[in-house]
């Protein structure tokens, strides 16, 4: 049965590279290499999330925040095990010292 991960994001467009960058006020901070012009940053965020969670781009939906830095994504995952793995990945990105490492959006083992 499909499970949905709702992910609150603080997006920082115009970065050197696209990557998860720790926590920002309870949100997952994601740096985006794309500029905040013509939806390019939103498209980059969706591409990043699809790669990070190993799902097709169609499984990632921007629910809120199309024009702001605070965004809400819905990510459709195959089952409860995939949801648990995704939640663990987010916790790792947001954990203590998480902003010191780089998380470029590739699924673990990819």
Protein backbone atom coordinates (compact mmCIF):
# COMPACT_ATOMS: atom_id res chain seq x y z
CA UNK A 1 0.00 0.00 0.00
CA UNK A 2 1.34 3.44 -0.92
CA UNK A 3 2.56 5.57 1.99
CA UNK A 4 3.07 9.35 1.89
CA UNK A 5 5.90 11.27 3.54
CA UNK A 6 5.10 14.93 4.14
CA UNK A 7 8.36 16.84 4.28
CA UNK A 8 8.70 20.45 5.45
CA UNK A 9 11.56 22.20 3.65
CA UNK A 10 13.47 25.46 4.03
CA UNK A 11 14.79 26.02 0.50
CA UNK A 12 17.87 28.10 -0.26
CA UNK A 13 18.05 28.70 -4.03
CA UNK A 14 21.16 29.93 -5.83
CA UNK A 15 23.56 27.65 -3.92
CA UNK A 16 26.72 26.16 -5.36
CA UNK A 17 25.16 22.67 -5.42
CA UNK A 18 21.86 20.99 -4.60
CA UNK A 19 22.00 19.13 -1.28
CA UNK A 20 20.36 18.58 2.10
CA UNK A 21 22.08 20.86 4.59
CA UNK A 22 20.80 20.07 8.08
CA UNK A 23 17.94 21.59 10.01
CA UNK A 24 16.60 25.14 9.95
CA UNK A 25 13.99 25.90 12.60
CA UNK A 26 12.54 22.39 12.55
CA UNK A 27 12.53 22.20 8.74
CA UNK A 28 14.94 20.30 6.52
CA UNK A 29 17.22 22.85 4.87
CA UNK A 30 17.87 22.08 1.20
CA UNK A 31 20.32 24.15 -0.81
CA UNK A 32 19.33 24.40 -4.47
CA UNK A 33 21.74 25.16 -7.29
CA UNK A 34 18.89 26.55 -9.40
CA UNK A 35 17.88 30.22 -9.20
CA UNK A 36 14.46 31.23 -7.84
CA UNK A 37 13.24 32.21 -11.31
CA UNK A 38 10.40 30.74 -13.41
CA UNK A 39 9.92 27.76 -11.10
CA UNK A 40 13.47 26.49 -11.63
CA UNK A 41 14.19 26.15 -7.91
CA UNK A 42 10.93 24.24 -7.34
CA UNK A 43 11.77 21.90 -10.22
CA UNK A 44 15.26 21.36 -8.77
CA UNK A 45 13.74 20.59 -5.36
CA UNK A 46 11.39 18.01 -6.86
CA UNK A 47 14.25 16.44 -8.83
CA UNK A 48 16.40 16.34 -5.68
CA UNK A 49 13.64 14.74 -3.58
CA UNK A 50 12.93 12.12 -6.26
CA UNK A 51 16.60 11.16 -6.36
CA UNK A 52 17.05 11.27 -2.59
CA UNK A 53 14.14 8.95 -1.91
CA UNK A 54 14.53 6.77 -5.00
CA UNK A 55 11.11 7.49 -6.47
CA UNK A 56 9.99 8.75 -9.89
CA UNK A 57 9.57 12.51 -10.20
CA UNK A 58 5.79 12.00 -10.52
CA UNK A 59 5.74 10.68 -6.94
CA UNK A 60 6.86 14.05 -5.54
CA UNK A 61 4.33 16.86 -5.21
CA UNK A 62 4.81 20.43 -4.01
CA UNK A 63 1.85 21.00 -1.68
CA UNK A 64 2.63 24.49 -0.38
CA UNK A 65 5.22 27.22 -0.79
CA UNK A 66 5.51 27.63 -4.53
CA UNK A 67 6.87 31.16 -4.18
CA UNK A 68 8.44 31.12 -0.70
CA UNK A 69 11.38 29.48 1.03
CA UNK A 70 9.19 27.32 3.30
CA UNK A 71 7.75 24.46 1.27
CA UNK A 72 5.82 21.27 1.94
CA UNK A 73 6.43 18.21 -0.20
CA UNK A 74 4.38 15.03 -0.40
CA UNK A 75 6.44 12.03 -1.45
CA UNK A 76 4.60 8.81 -2.38
CA UNK A 77 6.52 5.73 -1.28
CA UNK A 78 5.85 2.09 -2.17
CA UNK A 79 5.12 0.74 1.32
CA UNK A 80 5.58 1.15 5.07
CA UNK A 81 9.18 -0.11 4.93
CA UNK A 82 10.09 2.54 2.34
CA UNK A 83 8.40 5.18 4.51
CA UNK A 84 10.40 4.09 7.57
CA UNK A 85 13.63 4.20 5.55
CA UNK A 86 12.77 7.69 4.25
CA UNK A 87 12.00 8.93 7.77
CA UNK A 88 15.34 7.57 9.00
CA UNK A 89 17.12 9.35 6.16
CA UNK A 90 15.44 12.66 7.03
CA UNK A 91 16.35 12.18 10.70
CA UNK A 92 19.96 11.58 9.70
CA UNK A 93 20.02 14.76 7.60
CA UNK A 94 18.50 16.80 10.43
CA UNK A 95 20.45 15.21 13.30
CA UNK A 96 23.27 16.76 15.34
CA UNK A 97 26.15 17.79 13.11
CA UNK A 98 24.12 17.03 10.00
CA UNK A 99 24.97 20.35 8.37
CA UNK A 100 28.66 19.40 8.39
CA UNK A 101 28.12 16.60 5.87
CA UNK A 102 26.86 16.85 2.33
CA UNK A 103 23.79 15.03 1.18
CA UNK A 104 23.49 15.43 -2.55
CA UNK A 105 20.20 13.62 -2.96
CA UNK A 106 21.44 10.27 -4.17
CA UNK A 107 19.65 7.36 -2.59
CA UNK A 108 21.81 5.36 -0.16
CA UNK A 109 23.89 2.83 -2.04
CA UNK A 110 23.39 4.63 -5.37
